[in-house]
């Protein structure tokens, strides 16, 4: 009830467009972008303190 009223549909040239969805490629790129700095940080901590 409330959620239906709050949803806004994107209209492009009079056509209602679906909401964007994350693709498998985007998920893979995001995972790579996040994993590289985390790996670097953890490796640095391991090298400095252990």
C-alpha atoms as a PDB file:
ATOM      1  CA  UNK A   1       0.000   0.000   0.000  1.00  0.00           C
ATOM      2  CA  UNK A   2       2.551   2.595   1.094  1.00  0.00           C
ATOM      3  CA  UNK A   3       5.337   1.122  -1.032  1.00  0.00           C
ATOM      4  CA  UNK A   4       3.260   1.334  -4.194  1.00  0.00           C
ATOM      5  CA  UNK A   5       2.661   5.036  -3.634  1.00  0.00           C
ATOM      6  CA  UNK A   6       6.357   5.707  -3.026  1.00  0.00           C
ATOM      7  CA  UNK A   7       7.641   3.892  -6.119  1.00  0.00           C
ATOM      8  CA  UNK A   8       8.508   6.277  -8.918  1.00  0.00           C
ATOM      9  CA  UNK A   9       8.661   4.945 -12.433  1.00  0.00           C
ATOM     10  CA  UNK A  10      11.231   6.528 -14.702  1.00  0.00           C
ATOM     11  CA  UNK A  11       9.665   7.890 -17.849  1.00  0.00           C
ATOM     12  CA  UNK A  12      11.836   8.327 -20.937  1.00  0.00           C
ATOM     13  CA  UNK A  13      10.162  10.006 -23.912  1.00  0.00           C
ATOM     14  CA  UNK A  14       6.763   8.970 -22.614  1.00  0.00           C
ATOM     15  CA  UNK A  15       7.783   5.331 -22.122  1.00  0.00           C
ATOM     16  CA  UNK A  16       8.044   3.845 -18.650  1.00  0.00           C
ATOM     17  CA  UNK A  17      11.526   2.379 -18.298  1.00  0.00           C
ATOM     18  CA  UNK A  18      12.322  -0.514 -15.942  1.00  0.00           C
ATOM     19  CA  UNK A  19      14.607   0.058 -12.978  1.00  0.00           C
ATOM     20  CA  UNK A  20      18.286  -0.572 -13.687  1.00  0.00           C
ATOM     21  CA  UNK A  21      19.562  -3.995 -12.657  1.00  0.00           C
ATOM     22  CA  UNK A  22      23.093  -5.013 -11.781  1.00  0.00           C
ATOM     23  CA  UNK A  23      24.505  -7.326 -14.426  1.00  0.00           C
ATOM     24  CA  UNK A  24      26.895 -10.176 -13.810  1.00  0.00           C
ATOM     25  CA  UNK A  25      29.712  -8.168 -15.389  1.00  0.00           C
ATOM     26  CA  UNK A  26      29.034  -5.190 -13.125  1.00  0.00           C
ATOM     27  CA  UNK A  27      29.015  -7.462 -10.076  1.00  0.00           C
ATOM     28  CA  UNK A  28      32.347  -8.993 -11.144  1.00  0.00           C
ATOM     29  CA  UNK A  29      33.952  -5.586 -11.746  1.00  0.00           C
ATOM     30  CA  UNK A  30      32.680  -4.303  -8.396  1.00  0.00           C
ATOM     31  CA  UNK A  31      34.070  -7.373  -6.618  1.00  0.00           C
ATOM     32  CA  UNK A  32      37.480  -6.902  -8.275  1.00  0.00           C
ATOM     33  CA  UNK A  33      37.582  -3.189  -7.489  1.00  0.00           C
ATOM     34  CA  UNK A  34      36.811  -3.860  -3.829  1.00  0.00           C
ATOM     35  CA  UNK A  35      39.071  -6.889  -3.420  1.00  0.00           C
ATOM     36  CA  UNK A  36      42.314  -5.307  -4.664  1.00  0.00           C
ATOM     37  CA  UNK A  37      42.548  -2.540  -2.006  1.00  0.00           C
ATOM     38  CA  UNK A  38      41.402  -4.922   0.736  1.00  0.00           C
ATOM     39  CA  UNK A  39      44.070  -7.448  -0.266  1.00  0.00           C
ATOM     40  CA  UNK A  40      46.700  -4.703  -0.349  1.00  0.00           C
ATOM     41  CA  UNK A  41      45.682  -3.370   3.057  1.00  0.00           C
ATOM     42  CA  UNK A  42      45.613  -6.808   4.673  1.00  0.00           C
ATOM     43  CA  UNK A  43      48.977  -7.719   3.151  1.00  0.00           C
ATOM     44  CA  UNK A  44      50.480  -4.490   4.472  1.00  0.00           C
ATOM     45  CA  UNK A  45      49.087  -5.125   7.967  1.00  0.00           C
ATOM     46  CA  UNK A  46      50.421  -8.685   7.872  1.00  0.00           C
ATOM     47  CA  UNK A  47      53.861  -7.506   6.750  1.00  0.00           C
ATOM     48  CA  UNK A  48      54.063  -4.730   9.366  1.00  0.00           C
ATOM     49  CA  UNK A  49      52.721  -6.483  12.449  1.00  0.00           C
ATOM     50  CA  UNK A  50      53.285 -10.205  11.998  1.00  0.00           C
END
